[in-house]
């Protein structure tokens, strides 16, 4: 079994530090354009890239754990290439990932004029330990607003809600109790539609619950994997 972690919009593999340290044979991946390589314009394209990566590495019996946009990648992979997978985990994610137009407009302005600085995730890092928070902020800046905007546009176009009942793989949805970006109702909807699904709501957690409450999240992941 190979456990692979996929970051969210404009994110980085370093954000999974608490998970990769705990799950010794796991791997966290930078999606293309974060910052190396070319960005993909859609979650479906990121998923196709990930399939090639997994096959090139020779990984089998894969479990994909994705945060936010990365959760969308996990869902899309389960729909398109289920034969590669043992199960999927979506953390702070959903079958549809609409983005407020004001957020997209702010990022478009930042991309058009570099002096327009924007850090839309700033307050979301407040519950993360300072050392990891500093790493995530540094890497987010390296990825640039262009990557963040690209990814949020990919999220805004993503909608697999009607296809969720066709997923026949074990599914775990993890969500922070106080997540306002992808609230618990998103996870509840997925669990209602996917036959082999369960959810874990982390008390006090927000959108970056996996970095904020790593012990709780790691236990949920471990229990899920042990049951496969």
Protein backbone atom coordinates (compact mmCIF):
# COMPACT_ATOMS: atom_id res chain seq x y z
CA UNK A 1 0.00 0.00 0.00
CA UNK A 2 1.20 3.49 -0.87
CA UNK A 3 -0.27 6.54 0.86
CA UNK A 4 0.03 9.74 -1.18
CA UNK A 5 -0.85 13.24 0.07
CA UNK A 6 -2.02 15.95 -2.34
CA UNK A 7 -2.06 19.63 -1.33
CA UNK A 8 -4.77 22.21 -1.97
CA UNK A 9 -4.89 25.33 -4.14
CA UNK A 10 -1.54 27.11 -4.38
CA UNK A 11 -0.25 24.69 -1.75
CA UNK A 12 2.79 22.55 -1.17
CA UNK A 13 3.86 19.09 -0.06
CA UNK A 14 5.58 20.58 2.99
CA UNK A 15 2.17 21.31 4.53
CA UNK A 16 1.83 17.56 5.16
CA UNK A 17 4.88 17.44 7.44
CA UNK A 18 2.98 15.98 10.40
CA UNK A 19 1.55 13.24 8.20
CA UNK A 20 4.70 12.22 6.34
CA UNK A 21 6.62 12.04 9.62
CA UNK A 22 3.95 9.79 11.13
CA UNK A 23 3.25 7.55 8.12
CA UNK A 24 6.76 6.41 7.28
CA UNK A 25 6.11 4.97 3.81
CA UNK A 26 3.94 7.86 2.69
CA UNK A 27 4.74 10.57 0.16
CA UNK A 28 3.52 14.14 -0.22
CA UNK A 29 3.66 15.50 -3.77
CA UNK A 30 3.95 18.95 -5.27
CA UNK A 31 1.53 19.19 -8.17
CA UNK A 32 3.03 20.60 -11.37
CA UNK A 33 3.58 24.35 -11.30
CA UNK A 34 4.07 24.42 -7.50
CA UNK A 35 6.53 25.81 -8.43
CA UNK A 36 8.30 23.41 -10.83
CA UNK A 37 6.71 22.52 -14.18
CA UNK A 38 3.57 23.76 -15.87
CA UNK A 39 0.27 24.31 -14.09
CA UNK A 40 -2.71 22.19 -15.07
CA UNK A 41 -5.88 24.08 -15.97
CA UNK A 42 -8.34 21.68 -14.34
CA UNK A 43 -8.65 19.12 -11.58
CA UNK A 44 -9.15 16.48 -14.26
CA UNK A 45 -5.79 17.44 -15.82
CA UNK A 46 -4.05 17.31 -12.42
CA UNK A 47 -5.57 13.86 -11.95
CA UNK A 48 -4.26 12.67 -15.32
CA UNK A 49 -0.80 13.97 -14.37
CA UNK A 50 -1.01 12.13 -11.04
CA UNK A 51 -1.92 8.87 -12.78
CA UNK A 52 1.23 9.15 -14.91
CA UNK A 53 3.30 9.92 -11.80
CA UNK A 54 1.93 6.93 -9.92
CA UNK A 55 2.49 4.56 -12.85
CA UNK A 56 6.00 5.88 -13.50
CA UNK A 57 6.86 5.21 -9.84
CA UNK A 58 5.38 1.73 -10.02
CA UNK A 59 3.07 2.33 -7.07
CA UNK A 60 0.20 -0.09 -6.53
CA UNK A 61 -2.61 -0.33 -3.99
CA UNK A 62 -2.62 3.44 -3.62
CA UNK A 63 -4.55 5.50 -1.09
CA UNK A 64 -4.83 9.16 -2.07
CA UNK A 65 -5.39 11.70 0.69
CA UNK A 66 -6.11 15.20 -0.61
CA UNK A 67 -6.82 18.55 0.99
CA UNK A 68 -9.40 20.87 -0.57
CA UNK A 69 -8.45 20.88 -4.29
CA UNK A 70 -6.38 17.79 -3.55
CA UNK A 71 -9.55 16.13 -2.28
CA UNK A 72 -11.09 16.93 -5.63
CA UNK A 73 -8.15 15.19 -7.28
CA UNK A 74 -8.75 12.14 -5.08
CA UNK A 75 -12.43 12.04 -6.07
CA UNK A 76 -11.65 12.51 -9.76
CA UNK A 77 -9.02 9.74 -9.59
CA UNK A 78 -11.57 7.40 -8.00
CA UNK A 79 -13.97 8.16 -10.86
CA UNK A 80 -11.44 7.89 -13.70
CA UNK A 81 -8.91 5.28 -12.55
CA UNK A 82 -10.40 3.27 -9.65
CA UNK A 83 -8.33 0.21 -10.51
CA UNK A 84 -5.21 1.91 -9.11
CA UNK A 85 -6.68 2.59 -5.69
CA UNK A 86 -7.44 0.92 -2.37
CA UNK A 87 -9.31 3.96 -1.07
CA UNK A 88 -9.45 7.75 -0.97
CA UNK A 89 -9.43 10.40 1.75
CA UNK A 90 -10.79 13.92 1.27
CA UNK A 91 -9.85 16.50 3.91
CA UNK A 92 -11.74 19.79 3.91
CA UNK A 93 -13.08 19.10 0.45
CA UNK A 94 -16.25 18.41 -1.50
CA UNK A 95 -17.81 17.11 -4.68
CA UNK A 96 -18.20 20.72 -5.80
CA UNK A 97 -15.71 23.45 -4.91
CA UNK A 98 -17.21 26.79 -5.84
CA UNK A 99 -15.09 29.89 -5.13
CA UNK A 100 -16.46 33.32 -4.22
CA UNK A 101 -16.05 35.71 -7.20
CA UNK A 102 -14.47 38.33 -4.95
CA UNK A 103 -11.59 35.98 -4.16
CA UNK A 104 -10.95 35.33 -7.83
CA UNK A 105 -11.08 39.08 -8.57
CA UNK A 106 -8.54 39.84 -5.83
CA UNK A 107 -6.14 37.25 -7.20
CA UNK A 108 -6.61 38.44 -10.78
CA UNK A 109 -5.62 41.92 -9.61
CA UNK A 110 -2.56 40.51 -7.83
CA UNK A 111 -1.49 38.64 -10.95
CA UNK A 112 -2.02 41.69 -13.18
CA UNK A 113 -0.05 44.01 -10.91
CA UNK A 114 2.65 42.49 -8.73
CA UNK A 115 2.44 45.40 -6.29
CA UNK A 116 -1.07 44.26 -5.36
CA UNK A 117 -0.10 41.79 -2.66
CA UNK A 118 -2.68 39.31 -1.51
CA UNK A 119 -2.53 36.53 1.06
CA UNK A 120 -6.02 35.09 1.17
CA UNK A 121 -4.96 32.17 3.35
CA UNK A 122 -3.30 34.34 6.01
CA UNK A 123 -5.88 33.94 8.76
CA UNK A 124 -6.30 30.24 8.01
CA UNK A 125 -2.80 29.50 9.29
CA UNK A 126 -3.38 30.90 12.77
CA UNK A 127 -3.86 27.50 14.46
CA UNK A 128 -0.80 25.90 12.84
CA UNK A 129 2.40 25.70 14.87
CA UNK A 130 4.67 28.68 14.02
CA UNK A 131 7.50 26.67 12.45
CA UNK A 132 5.26 24.85 9.97
CA UNK A 133 3.24 28.01 9.38
CA UNK A 134 6.42 29.84 8.30
CA UNK A 135 7.29 27.06 5.85
CA UNK A 136 3.81 27.06 4.32
CA UNK A 137 3.80 30.84 3.94
CA UNK A 138 7.23 30.79 2.29
CA UNK A 139 6.25 28.06 -0.14
CA UNK A 140 2.92 29.72 -0.96
CA UNK A 141 4.83 32.88 -1.91
CA UNK A 142 7.19 30.84 -4.09
CA UNK A 143 4.24 29.31 -5.91
CA UNK A 144 2.99 32.86 -6.68
CA UNK A 145 -0.57 34.22 -6.97
CA UNK A 146 -0.67 32.84 -10.51
CA UNK A 147 -0.70 29.28 -9.22
CA UNK A 148 -3.25 30.11 -6.54
CA UNK A 149 -5.56 31.76 -9.09
CA UNK A 150 -5.15 28.90 -11.53
CA UNK A 151 -6.04 26.35 -8.88
CA UNK A 152 -9.04 28.26 -7.54
CA UNK A 153 -10.39 28.55 -11.09
CA UNK A 154 -9.95 24.79 -11.41
CA UNK A 155 -11.86 24.35 -8.15
CA UNK A 156 -14.62 26.70 -9.27
CA UNK A 157 -15.19 24.59 -12.39
CA UNK A 158 -15.09 21.29 -10.49
CA UNK A 159 -18.39 19.48 -9.95
CA UNK A 160 -18.69 15.69 -9.59
CA UNK A 161 -21.68 15.73 -7.24
CA UNK A 162 -23.89 13.68 -9.54
CA UNK A 163 -21.13 11.10 -10.12
CA UNK A 164 -20.39 10.46 -6.43
CA UNK A 165 -22.75 7.44 -6.15
CA UNK A 166 -20.68 5.63 -8.79
CA UNK A 167 -17.60 5.60 -6.53
CA UNK A 168 -17.24 2.08 -5.15
CA UNK A 169 -14.08 2.52 -3.11
CA UNK A 170 -13.67 3.00 0.64
CA UNK A 171 -13.90 6.73 1.33
CA UNK A 172 -13.00 8.79 4.37
CA UNK A 173 -14.05 12.41 4.70
CA UNK A 174 -12.24 14.46 7.34
CA UNK A 175 -13.33 18.00 8.12
CA UNK A 176 -12.71 20.60 10.77
CA UNK A 177 -15.71 21.47 12.87
CA UNK A 178 -15.10 25.18 12.18
CA UNK A 179 -14.15 24.95 8.50
CA UNK A 180 -15.93 27.79 6.72
CA UNK A 181 -14.32 27.21 3.31
CA UNK A 182 -15.56 23.63 2.94
CA UNK A 183 -17.92 23.18 5.90
CA UNK A 184 -18.98 19.82 7.36
CA UNK A 185 -22.11 19.76 5.20
CA UNK A 186 -19.84 19.20 2.16
CA UNK A 187 -18.38 16.10 3.78
CA UNK A 188 -21.80 14.91 4.92
CA UNK A 189 -23.07 15.13 1.34
CA UNK A 190 -20.21 12.99 0.05
CA UNK A 191 -20.73 10.40 2.76
CA UNK A 192 -24.44 10.24 1.95
CA UNK A 193 -23.74 9.61 -1.74
CA UNK A 194 -20.74 7.22 -1.58
CA UNK A 195 -21.64 3.71 -0.44
CA UNK A 196 -18.41 2.79 1.37
CA UNK A 197 -17.97 6.10 3.12
CA UNK A 198 -17.45 7.42 6.62
CA UNK A 199 -16.64 10.81 8.06
CA UNK A 200 -14.67 12.24 10.97
CA UNK A 201 -15.35 15.77 12.21
CA UNK A 202 -12.39 17.21 14.13
CA UNK A 203 -13.44 19.40 17.03
CA UNK A 204 -11.96 22.90 16.85
CA UNK A 205 -10.39 22.34 13.44
CA UNK A 206 -10.68 24.71 10.49
CA UNK A 207 -9.80 24.40 6.80
CA UNK A 208 -6.19 23.34 7.48
CA UNK A 209 -7.25 20.80 10.09
CA UNK A 210 -4.55 18.28 9.10
CA UNK A 211 -1.84 20.77 10.07
CA UNK A 212 -3.73 22.17 13.08
CA UNK A 213 -4.83 18.92 14.71
CA UNK A 214 -2.36 16.34 13.35
CA UNK A 215 -2.82 13.77 16.11
CA UNK A 216 -6.58 13.59 15.56
CA UNK A 217 -6.25 13.55 11.78
CA UNK A 218 -3.48 10.95 11.78
CA UNK A 219 -5.53 8.65 14.00
CA UNK A 220 -8.51 8.93 11.64
CA UNK A 221 -6.28 8.13 8.65
CA UNK A 222 -4.61 5.24 10.46
CA UNK A 223 -7.94 3.71 11.49
CA UNK A 224 -9.17 4.00 7.90
CA UNK A 225 -6.06 2.35 6.46
CA UNK A 226 -6.09 -0.45 9.01
CA UNK A 227 -9.68 -1.28 8.02
CA UNK A 228 -8.89 -1.62 4.31
